[in-house]
Amino acid sequence: MVAIAKEVGPKRFRASGGRYYEDFQVGDVYEHRPGRTISETDNTWFTLLTMNTHPLHFDTAYAAKSEFGRPLVNSCLTLSMVVGMSVADVSQKAIGNLGWTDIKLTAPVFIGDTIYAETEVLSKRASAKRPTQGVVTVRTVGKKADGTVFMSFERTVLVPMRGHAVDDLADY
């Protein structure tokens, strides 16, 4: 995780997380920690919260008859967790996400699996319309504790240049 203590007064510091545009280098890989072990409660609540009625996610008897033999973790939950793991390194300072592409779900995730994520910087360029910001594209991969890749996607974010992030400009 990227965190820098910014002095805001005499003997007073405030955490400032995330990366500026200048901090991203093509080819760098960020290993996101901590990981997360997914519980039955996580899966059930997320599935019900998002109104996903597929019984494969919350009906153990139904799931037992499937090819998996047990409930699958909702893939939108794993996507959300993997993105969340990447925020401190990729988008903590971002102005916004510009797009998501090439989302692939390559292996099932089950209750009790521990997942991790890592992100590679694919490209970066200064914004043509916003002189204090840049566009960064990354590929993030979700892996189980045993190394099995279960997900990958690309994401493009708009990131401020040094000195132009909200936490640089405002005293909140």
N, C-alpha and C. Protein backbone atom coordinates (compact mmCIF):
# COMPACT_ATOMS: atom_id res chain seq x y z
N MET A 1 0.84 -1.18 0.00
CA MET A 1 0.00 0.00 0.00
C MET A 1 0.88 1.24 0.00
N VAL A 2 0.46 2.23 -0.70
CA VAL A 2 1.20 3.48 -0.78
C VAL A 2 0.60 4.43 0.24
N ALA A 3 1.39 4.87 1.19
CA ALA A 3 0.94 5.85 2.17
C ALA A 3 2.11 6.75 2.53
N ILE A 4 1.84 8.03 2.55
CA ILE A 4 2.86 9.02 2.88
C ILE A 4 2.27 9.91 3.96
N ALA A 5 3.04 10.20 4.98
CA ALA A 5 2.60 11.11 6.03
C ALA A 5 2.90 12.54 5.59
N LYS A 6 1.87 13.35 5.50
CA LYS A 6 2.01 14.74 5.09
C LYS A 6 1.92 15.63 6.34
N GLU A 7 2.90 16.50 6.52
CA GLU A 7 2.86 17.39 7.68
C GLU A 7 1.81 18.47 7.44
N VAL A 8 0.86 18.58 8.37
CA VAL A 8 -0.23 19.55 8.24
C VAL A 8 -0.16 20.63 9.32
N GLY A 9 0.82 20.51 10.20
CA GLY A 9 1.02 21.49 11.27
C GLY A 9 2.21 21.06 12.10
N PRO A 10 2.58 21.87 13.06
CA PRO A 10 3.71 21.50 13.91
C PRO A 10 3.44 20.18 14.64
N LYS A 11 4.31 19.21 14.42
CA LYS A 11 4.21 17.89 15.04
C LYS A 11 2.86 17.21 14.77
N ARG A 12 2.24 17.53 13.62
CA ARG A 12 0.94 16.94 13.24
C ARG A 12 1.06 16.45 11.80
N PHE A 13 0.66 15.17 11.56
CA PHE A 13 0.79 14.55 10.25
C PHE A 13 -0.53 13.89 9.86
N ARG A 14 -0.80 13.85 8.57
CA ARG A 14 -1.99 13.20 8.04
C ARG A 14 -1.56 12.22 6.96
N ALA A 15 -2.14 11.01 6.99
CA ALA A 15 -1.83 10.01 5.97
C ALA A 15 -2.37 10.46 4.62
N SER A 16 -1.58 10.28 3.60
CA SER A 16 -2.00 10.58 2.23
C SER A 16 -1.69 9.34 1.41
N GLY A 17 -2.71 8.67 0.96
CA GLY A 17 -2.51 7.42 0.24
C GLY A 17 -2.60 7.56 -1.26
N GLY A 18 -2.09 6.57 -1.95
CA GLY A 18 -2.22 6.50 -3.39
C GLY A 18 -1.03 7.04 -4.16
N ARG A 19 -1.13 6.93 -5.48
CA ARG A 19 -0.06 7.34 -6.38
C ARG A 19 -0.50 8.51 -7.26
N TYR A 20 0.46 9.36 -7.54
CA TYR A 20 0.27 10.41 -8.53
C TYR A 20 0.62 9.83 -9.90
N TYR A 21 0.21 10.55 -10.94
CA TYR A 21 0.52 10.13 -12.32
C TYR A 21 2.01 9.83 -12.49
N GLU A 22 2.85 10.69 -11.94
CA GLU A 22 4.30 10.54 -12.10
C GLU A 22 4.84 9.27 -11.45
N ASP A 23 4.12 8.72 -10.49
CA ASP A 23 4.58 7.53 -9.77
C ASP A 23 4.37 6.23 -10.54
N PHE A 24 3.54 6.25 -11.56
CA PHE A 24 3.28 5.04 -12.35
C PHE A 24 4.36 4.87 -13.41
N GLN A 25 4.92 3.67 -13.50
CA GLN A 25 5.91 3.34 -14.52
C GLN A 25 5.44 2.09 -15.26
N VAL A 26 5.40 2.16 -16.57
CA VAL A 26 4.98 1.02 -17.39
C VAL A 26 5.85 -0.18 -17.04
N GLY A 27 5.20 -1.30 -16.80
CA GLY A 27 5.90 -2.54 -16.46
C GLY A 27 5.97 -2.81 -14.97
N ASP A 28 5.74 -1.80 -14.13
CA ASP A 28 5.73 -2.04 -12.69
C ASP A 28 4.56 -2.95 -12.32
N VAL A 29 4.79 -3.81 -11.33
CA VAL A 29 3.74 -4.71 -10.82
C VAL A 29 3.59 -4.44 -9.33
N TYR A 30 2.35 -4.21 -8.92
CA TYR A 30 2.03 -3.97 -7.51
C TYR A 30 1.34 -5.22 -6.96
N GLU A 31 1.89 -5.81 -5.92
CA GLU A 31 1.26 -6.93 -5.22
C GLU A 31 0.42 -6.34 -4.10
N HIS A 32 -0.89 -6.51 -4.20
CA HIS A 32 -1.81 -5.90 -3.24
C HIS A 32 -1.99 -6.80 -2.02
N ARG A 33 -1.82 -6.21 -0.85
CA ARG A 33 -2.02 -6.92 0.40
C ARG A 33 -2.79 -6.01 1.34
N PRO A 34 -3.58 -6.53 2.25
CA PRO A 34 -3.71 -7.94 2.58
C PRO A 34 -4.64 -8.67 1.61
N GLY A 35 -4.61 -9.99 1.69
CA GLY A 35 -5.56 -10.81 0.97
C GLY A 35 -6.87 -10.87 1.74
N ARG A 36 -7.78 -11.70 1.26
CA ARG A 36 -9.10 -11.80 1.92
C ARG A 36 -9.62 -13.21 1.79
N THR A 37 -10.00 -13.81 2.92
CA THR A 37 -10.67 -15.10 2.91
C THR A 37 -12.17 -14.84 2.85
N ILE A 38 -12.84 -15.45 1.87
CA ILE A 38 -14.25 -15.17 1.62
C ILE A 38 -15.12 -16.10 2.47
N SER A 39 -16.04 -15.51 3.22
CA SER A 39 -16.93 -16.28 4.09
C SER A 39 -18.28 -16.52 3.43
N GLU A 40 -19.02 -17.43 3.99
CA GLU A 40 -20.39 -17.69 3.51
C GLU A 40 -21.25 -16.44 3.68
N THR A 41 -21.05 -15.73 4.78
CA THR A 41 -21.81 -14.51 5.02
C THR A 41 -21.53 -13.47 3.95
N ASP A 42 -20.25 -13.28 3.60
CA ASP A 42 -19.89 -12.34 2.52
C ASP A 42 -20.68 -12.66 1.26
N ASN A 43 -20.64 -13.92 0.87
CA ASN A 43 -21.26 -14.36 -0.39
C ASN A 43 -22.77 -14.21 -0.35
N THR A 44 -23.39 -14.64 0.73
CA THR A 44 -24.85 -14.58 0.83
C THR A 44 -25.33 -13.14 0.86
N TRP A 45 -24.73 -12.32 1.70
CA TRP A 45 -25.16 -10.92 1.79
C TRP A 45 -24.97 -10.19 0.47
N PHE A 46 -23.83 -10.38 -0.18
CA PHE A 46 -23.59 -9.69 -1.45
C PHE A 46 -24.60 -10.15 -2.50
N THR A 47 -24.84 -11.44 -2.56
CA THR A 47 -25.78 -11.99 -3.54
C THR A 47 -27.19 -11.43 -3.31
N LEU A 48 -27.63 -11.38 -2.07
CA LEU A 48 -28.96 -10.85 -1.78
C LEU A 48 -29.01 -9.33 -1.97
N LEU A 49 -27.95 -8.63 -1.57
CA LEU A 49 -27.90 -7.18 -1.73
C LEU A 49 -28.01 -6.77 -3.19
N THR A 50 -27.39 -7.55 -4.07
CA THR A 50 -27.40 -7.22 -5.50
C THR A 50 -28.59 -7.85 -6.24
N MET A 51 -29.45 -8.52 -5.49
CA MET A 51 -30.68 -9.13 -6.03
C MET A 51 -30.40 -10.21 -7.06
N ASN A 52 -29.28 -10.89 -6.91
CA ASN A 52 -28.94 -12.01 -7.78
C ASN A 52 -29.66 -13.24 -7.23
N THR A 53 -30.59 -13.76 -7.97
CA THR A 53 -31.41 -14.86 -7.46
C THR A 53 -30.93 -16.24 -7.90
N HIS A 54 -29.74 -16.33 -8.47
CA HIS A 54 -29.26 -17.65 -8.90
C HIS A 54 -28.92 -18.48 -7.66
N PRO A 55 -29.58 -19.63 -7.49
CA PRO A 55 -29.37 -20.44 -6.28
C PRO A 55 -27.97 -21.04 -6.16
N LEU A 56 -27.19 -21.02 -7.20
CA LEU A 56 -25.83 -21.57 -7.13
C LEU A 56 -24.97 -20.81 -6.11
N HIS A 57 -25.40 -19.59 -5.76
CA HIS A 57 -24.62 -18.78 -4.82
C HIS A 57 -25.07 -18.91 -3.37
N PHE A 58 -26.29 -19.40 -3.12
CA PHE A 58 -26.77 -19.39 -1.73
C PHE A 58 -27.63 -20.59 -1.33
N ASP A 59 -27.84 -21.53 -2.23
CA ASP A 59 -28.64 -22.73 -1.92
C ASP A 59 -27.71 -23.95 -1.97
N THR A 60 -27.28 -24.40 -0.80
CA THR A 60 -26.30 -25.49 -0.71
C THR A 60 -26.82 -26.77 -1.35
N ALA A 61 -28.10 -27.09 -1.17
CA ALA A 61 -28.67 -28.31 -1.76
C ALA A 61 -28.66 -28.22 -3.29
N TYR A 62 -29.03 -27.09 -3.82
CA TYR A 62 -29.00 -26.88 -5.27
C TYR A 62 -27.57 -26.98 -5.79
N ALA A 63 -26.66 -26.27 -5.15
CA ALA A 63 -25.26 -26.24 -5.59
C ALA A 63 -24.62 -27.63 -5.51
N ALA A 64 -25.05 -28.45 -4.56
CA ALA A 64 -24.50 -29.80 -4.42
C ALA A 64 -24.75 -30.65 -5.66
N LYS A 65 -25.81 -30.35 -6.39
CA LYS A 65 -26.16 -31.09 -7.61
C LYS A 65 -25.49 -30.53 -8.86
N SER A 66 -24.77 -29.40 -8.71
CA SER A 66 -24.10 -28.79 -9.85
C SER A 66 -22.76 -29.47 -10.08
N GLU A 67 -22.09 -29.13 -11.17
CA GLU A 67 -20.76 -29.68 -11.45
C GLU A 67 -19.73 -29.28 -10.42
N PHE A 68 -20.03 -28.24 -9.63
CA PHE A 68 -19.08 -27.76 -8.62
C PHE A 68 -19.27 -28.45 -7.27
N GLY A 69 -20.47 -28.97 -7.02
CA GLY A 69 -20.75 -29.70 -5.80
C GLY A 69 -20.92 -28.84 -4.56
N ARG A 70 -20.81 -27.56 -4.71
CA ARG A 70 -20.94 -26.63 -3.58
C ARG A 70 -21.19 -25.23 -4.13
N PRO A 71 -21.63 -24.30 -3.26
CA PRO A 71 -21.93 -22.95 -3.75
C PRO A 71 -20.69 -22.24 -4.32
N LEU A 72 -20.91 -21.51 -5.37
CA LEU A 72 -19.88 -20.64 -5.95
C LEU A 72 -19.99 -19.25 -5.32
N VAL A 73 -18.85 -18.63 -5.14
CA VAL A 73 -18.86 -17.23 -4.72
C VAL A 73 -19.29 -16.39 -5.92
N ASN A 74 -20.17 -15.45 -5.69
CA ASN A 74 -20.68 -14.55 -6.71
C ASN A 74 -19.50 -13.83 -7.37
N SER A 75 -19.38 -13.92 -8.68
CA SER A 75 -18.23 -13.33 -9.38
C SER A 75 -18.20 -11.81 -9.27
N CYS A 76 -19.36 -11.18 -9.10
CA CYS A 76 -19.35 -9.73 -8.90
C CYS A 76 -18.75 -9.37 -7.54
N LEU A 77 -18.89 -10.26 -6.56
CA LEU A 77 -18.25 -10.05 -5.26
C LEU A 77 -16.73 -10.15 -5.40
N THR A 78 -16.26 -11.18 -6.10
CA THR A 78 -14.80 -11.31 -6.24
C THR A 78 -14.24 -10.14 -7.06
N LEU A 79 -14.97 -9.69 -8.07
CA LEU A 79 -14.53 -8.52 -8.83
C LEU A 79 -14.42 -7.31 -7.91
N SER A 80 -15.43 -7.10 -7.09
CA SER A 80 -15.42 -5.96 -6.17
C SER A 80 -14.27 -6.05 -5.18
N MET A 81 -14.01 -7.25 -4.65
CA MET A 81 -12.92 -7.42 -3.70
C MET A 81 -11.56 -7.18 -4.35
N VAL A 82 -11.36 -7.70 -5.55
CA VAL A 82 -10.08 -7.53 -6.24
C VAL A 82 -9.86 -6.05 -6.57
N VAL A 83 -10.90 -5.38 -7.04
CA VAL A 83 -10.77 -3.94 -7.29
C VAL A 83 -10.44 -3.22 -6.00
N GLY A 84 -11.15 -3.56 -4.93
CA GLY A 84 -10.89 -2.92 -3.64
C GLY A 84 -9.46 -3.11 -3.18
N MET A 85 -8.92 -4.31 -3.39
CA MET A 85 -7.53 -4.57 -3.00
C MET A 85 -6.56 -3.66 -3.76
N SER A 86 -6.93 -3.28 -4.98
CA SER A 86 -6.02 -2.50 -5.83
C SER A 86 -6.11 -0.99 -5.60
N VAL A 87 -7.11 -0.53 -4.88
CA VAL A 87 -7.33 0.91 -4.76
C VAL A 87 -6.13 1.65 -4.19
N ALA A 88 -5.55 1.16 -3.09
CA ALA A 88 -4.44 1.88 -2.46
C ALA A 88 -3.27 2.11 -3.41
N ASP A 89 -3.04 1.15 -4.31
CA ASP A 89 -1.91 1.26 -5.24
C ASP A 89 -2.27 1.93 -6.56
N VAL A 90 -3.51 1.82 -7.00
CA VAL A 90 -3.87 2.27 -8.34
C VAL A 90 -4.74 3.52 -8.35
N SER A 91 -5.78 3.55 -7.55
CA SER A 91 -6.78 4.61 -7.73
C SER A 91 -7.13 5.41 -6.48
N GLN A 92 -6.33 5.34 -5.44
CA GLN A 92 -6.62 6.09 -4.21
C GLN A 92 -6.71 7.58 -4.49
N LYS A 93 -5.91 8.10 -5.40
CA LYS A 93 -5.94 9.53 -5.74
C LYS A 93 -6.73 9.82 -7.03
N ALA A 94 -7.24 8.80 -7.67
CA ALA A 94 -7.87 8.98 -8.99
C ALA A 94 -9.05 9.95 -8.95
N ILE A 95 -9.23 10.63 -10.06
CA ILE A 95 -10.39 11.48 -10.26
C ILE A 95 -11.57 10.60 -10.64
N GLY A 96 -11.30 9.54 -11.40
CA GLY A 96 -12.35 8.61 -11.76
C GLY A 96 -11.85 7.47 -12.62
N ASN A 97 -12.64 6.42 -12.64
CA ASN A 97 -12.40 5.31 -13.57
C ASN A 97 -12.93 5.72 -14.93
N LEU A 98 -12.16 5.47 -15.98
CA LEU A 98 -12.59 5.83 -17.33
C LEU A 98 -13.13 4.63 -18.10
N GLY A 99 -12.79 3.43 -17.66
CA GLY A 99 -13.31 2.26 -18.35
C GLY A 99 -12.74 0.96 -17.82
N TRP A 100 -13.48 -0.09 -18.08
CA TRP A 100 -13.11 -1.46 -17.71
C TRP A 100 -13.23 -2.29 -18.97
N THR A 101 -12.23 -3.11 -19.26
CA THR A 101 -12.31 -3.96 -20.43
C THR A 101 -11.75 -5.34 -20.12
N ASP A 102 -12.07 -6.26 -21.00
CA ASP A 102 -11.42 -7.57 -21.01
C ASP A 102 -11.53 -8.31 -19.68
N ILE A 103 -12.70 -8.23 -19.03
CA ILE A 103 -12.90 -8.94 -17.77
C ILE A 103 -13.04 -10.42 -18.07
N LYS A 104 -12.18 -11.23 -17.45
CA LYS A 104 -12.20 -12.68 -17.66
C LYS A 104 -12.32 -13.38 -16.31
N LEU A 105 -13.22 -14.36 -16.24
CA LEU A 105 -13.40 -15.18 -15.06
C LEU A 105 -12.89 -16.57 -15.42
N THR A 106 -11.71 -16.92 -14.93
CA THR A 106 -11.01 -18.10 -15.44
C THR A 106 -11.04 -19.32 -14.53
N ALA A 107 -11.52 -19.17 -13.30
CA ALA A 107 -11.63 -20.31 -12.38
C ALA A 107 -12.67 -19.99 -11.32
N PRO A 108 -13.35 -21.01 -10.81
CA PRO A 108 -14.35 -20.75 -9.78
C PRO A 108 -13.70 -20.38 -8.45
N VAL A 109 -14.44 -19.61 -7.66
CA VAL A 109 -14.02 -19.25 -6.30
C VAL A 109 -15.09 -19.78 -5.35
N PHE A 110 -14.62 -20.39 -4.25
CA PHE A 110 -15.53 -21.01 -3.29
C PHE A 110 -15.40 -20.37 -1.92
N ILE A 111 -16.43 -20.53 -1.11
CA ILE A 111 -16.39 -20.08 0.27
C ILE A 111 -15.18 -20.72 0.94
N GLY A 112 -14.43 -19.91 1.67
CA GLY A 112 -13.22 -20.37 2.33
C GLY A 112 -11.95 -20.11 1.54
N ASP A 113 -12.07 -19.78 0.25
CA ASP A 113 -10.88 -19.44 -0.54
C ASP A 113 -10.32 -18.09 -0.07
N THR A 114 -9.01 -18.01 -0.05
CA THR A 114 -8.33 -16.74 0.23
C THR A 114 -7.84 -16.21 -1.10
N ILE A 115 -8.14 -14.94 -1.36
CA ILE A 115 -7.78 -14.35 -2.64
C ILE A 115 -6.81 -13.18 -2.44
N TYR A 116 -6.00 -12.97 -3.47
CA TYR A 116 -5.03 -11.88 -3.52
C TYR A 116 -5.14 -11.24 -4.90
N ALA A 117 -4.46 -10.11 -5.06
CA ALA A 117 -4.49 -9.44 -6.36
C ALA A 117 -3.13 -8.79 -6.64
N GLU A 118 -2.86 -8.61 -7.93
CA GLU A 118 -1.69 -7.85 -8.35
C GLU A 118 -2.03 -7.11 -9.62
N THR A 119 -1.36 -5.98 -9.81
CA THR A 119 -1.66 -5.10 -10.94
C THR A 119 -0.37 -4.72 -11.65
N GLU A 120 -0.42 -4.78 -12.99
CA GLU A 120 0.69 -4.34 -13.82
C GLU A 120 0.30 -3.07 -14.56
N VAL A 121 1.19 -2.08 -14.58
CA VAL A 121 0.95 -0.84 -15.32
C VAL A 121 1.23 -1.12 -16.79
N LEU A 122 0.20 -0.95 -17.64
CA LEU A 122 0.33 -1.22 -19.07
C LEU A 122 0.72 0.02 -19.88
N SER A 123 0.13 1.16 -19.54
CA SER A 123 0.43 2.38 -20.29
C SER A 123 0.06 3.60 -19.46
N LYS A 124 0.62 4.73 -19.87
CA LYS A 124 0.27 6.01 -19.26
C LYS A 124 0.52 7.10 -20.27
N ARG A 125 -0.29 8.16 -20.17
CA ARG A 125 -0.11 9.32 -21.03
C ARG A 125 -0.72 10.53 -20.35
N ALA A 126 -0.16 11.67 -20.63
CA ALA A 126 -0.73 12.91 -20.11
C ALA A 126 -2.08 13.14 -20.79
N SER A 127 -3.03 13.69 -20.06
CA SER A 127 -4.34 13.99 -20.64
C SER A 127 -4.21 15.15 -21.62
N ALA A 128 -4.83 15.00 -22.78
CA ALA A 128 -4.81 16.06 -23.79
C ALA A 128 -5.68 17.25 -23.38
N LYS A 129 -6.73 16.99 -22.59
CA LYS A 129 -7.68 18.04 -22.23
C LYS A 129 -7.51 18.57 -20.81
N ARG A 130 -6.80 17.82 -19.98
CA ARG A 130 -6.65 18.19 -18.57
C ARG A 130 -5.17 18.23 -18.23
N PRO A 131 -4.56 19.40 -18.28
CA PRO A 131 -3.10 19.49 -18.15
C PRO A 131 -2.52 19.08 -16.79
N THR A 132 -3.35 18.95 -15.78
CA THR A 132 -2.85 18.54 -14.46
C THR A 132 -3.16 17.08 -14.15
N GLN A 133 -3.56 16.32 -15.19
CA GLN A 133 -3.96 14.93 -14.98
C GLN A 133 -3.39 14.03 -16.07
N GLY A 134 -3.38 12.73 -15.78
CA GLY A 134 -2.92 11.76 -16.76
C GLY A 134 -3.82 10.54 -16.76
N VAL A 135 -3.69 9.76 -17.82
CA VAL A 135 -4.49 8.55 -18.01
C VAL A 135 -3.56 7.34 -17.85
N VAL A 136 -3.94 6.43 -16.96
CA VAL A 136 -3.14 5.25 -16.67
C VAL A 136 -4.01 4.02 -16.92
N THR A 137 -3.46 3.03 -17.65
CA THR A 137 -4.15 1.77 -17.89
C THR A 137 -3.36 0.65 -17.23
N VAL A 138 -4.10 -0.21 -16.51
CA VAL A 138 -3.49 -1.31 -15.77
C VAL A 138 -4.22 -2.61 -16.06
N ARG A 139 -3.53 -3.73 -15.81
CA ARG A 139 -4.17 -5.05 -15.84
C ARG A 139 -4.06 -5.62 -14.43
N THR A 140 -5.21 -6.00 -13.88
CA THR A 140 -5.25 -6.57 -12.54
C THR A 140 -5.63 -8.04 -12.64
N VAL A 141 -4.95 -8.86 -11.83
CA VAL A 141 -5.17 -10.30 -11.80
C VAL A 141 -5.54 -10.70 -10.38
N GLY A 142 -6.60 -11.51 -10.24
CA GLY A 142 -6.97 -12.08 -8.95
C GLY A 142 -6.44 -13.50 -8.88
N LYS A 143 -5.81 -13.85 -7.75
CA LYS A 143 -5.24 -15.19 -7.57
C LYS A 143 -5.70 -15.76 -6.24
N LYS A 144 -5.94 -17.07 -6.24
CA LYS A 144 -6.20 -17.75 -4.98
C LYS A 144 -4.87 -17.97 -4.26
N ALA A 145 -4.94 -18.33 -2.99
CA ALA A 145 -3.72 -18.54 -2.20
C ALA A 145 -2.82 -19.61 -2.81
N ASP A 146 -3.42 -20.56 -3.55
CA ASP A 146 -2.61 -21.62 -4.18
C ASP A 146 -2.00 -21.19 -5.52
N GLY A 147 -2.23 -19.93 -5.91
CA GLY A 147 -1.67 -19.41 -7.15
C GLY A 147 -2.60 -19.47 -8.35
N THR A 148 -3.75 -20.12 -8.21
CA THR A 148 -4.70 -20.22 -9.32
C THR A 148 -5.24 -18.84 -9.68
N VAL A 149 -5.09 -18.45 -10.93
CA VAL A 149 -5.66 -17.19 -11.41
C VAL A 149 -7.16 -17.42 -11.65
N PHE A 150 -7.99 -16.61 -11.01
CA PHE A 150 -9.44 -16.77 -11.18
C PHE A 150 -10.09 -15.60 -11.91
N MET A 151 -9.33 -14.52 -12.12
CA MET A 151 -9.90 -13.34 -12.73
C MET A 151 -8.81 -12.43 -13.26
N SER A 152 -9.12 -11.72 -14.34
CA SER A 152 -8.26 -10.64 -14.82
C SER A 152 -9.11 -9.60 -15.51
N PHE A 153 -8.62 -8.37 -15.53
CA PHE A 153 -9.33 -7.29 -16.22
C PHE A 153 -8.37 -6.14 -16.43
N GLU A 154 -8.73 -5.25 -17.36
CA GLU A 154 -7.99 -4.02 -17.57
C GLU A 154 -8.85 -2.86 -17.12
N ARG A 155 -8.21 -1.85 -16.58
CA ARG A 155 -8.92 -0.68 -16.07
C ARG A 155 -8.12 0.55 -16.43
N THR A 156 -8.81 1.60 -16.84
CA THR A 156 -8.18 2.88 -17.15
C THR A 156 -8.69 3.92 -16.18
N VAL A 157 -7.76 4.66 -15.57
CA VAL A 157 -8.12 5.66 -14.56
C VAL A 157 -7.51 7.02 -14.90
N LEU A 158 -8.19 8.05 -14.49
CA LEU A 158 -7.70 9.42 -14.64
C LEU A 158 -7.08 9.81 -13.30
N VAL A 159 -5.78 10.13 -13.33
CA VAL A 159 -5.00 10.33 -12.11
C VAL A 159 -4.40 11.74 -12.10
N PRO A 160 -4.42 12.41 -10.95
CA PRO A 160 -3.83 13.75 -10.89
C PRO A 160 -2.30 13.71 -10.91
N MET A 161 -1.72 14.74 -11.44
CA MET A 161 -0.28 14.90 -11.35
C MET A 161 0.06 15.45 -9.97
N ARG A 162 1.31 15.27 -9.58
CA ARG A 162 1.76 15.69 -8.25
C ARG A 162 1.38 17.16 -8.00
N GLY A 163 0.82 17.39 -6.81
CA GLY A 163 0.42 18.74 -6.43
C GLY A 163 -1.00 19.10 -6.82
N HIS A 164 -1.71 18.18 -7.50
CA HIS A 164 -3.05 18.50 -8.00
C HIS A 164 -4.14 17.53 -7.53
N ALA A 165 -3.84 16.72 -6.52
CA ALA A 165 -4.85 15.81 -5.96
C ALA A 165 -5.69 16.56 -4.94
N VAL A 166 -6.87 16.06 -4.66
CA VAL A 166 -7.75 16.69 -3.67
C VAL A 166 -7.02 16.89 -2.35
N ASP A 167 -6.27 15.87 -1.90
CA ASP A 167 -5.61 16.01 -0.60
C ASP A 167 -4.40 16.95 -0.66
N ASP A 168 -4.00 17.41 -1.86
CA ASP A 168 -2.96 18.43 -1.99
C ASP A 168 -3.55 19.83 -1.95
N LEU A 169 -4.81 19.94 -2.34
CA LEU A 169 -5.43 21.24 -2.55
C LEU A 169 -6.36 21.68 -1.44
N ALA A 170 -6.84 20.74 -0.63
CA ALA A 170 -7.83 21.07 0.38
C ALA A 170 -7.38 20.60 1.76
N ASP A 171 -7.81 21.33 2.75
CA ASP A 171 -7.55 20.93 4.14
C ASP A 171 -8.86 20.35 4.68
N TYR A 172 -8.99 19.07 4.58
CA TYR A 172 -10.25 18.44 5.03
C TYR A 172 -10.03 17.62 6.27
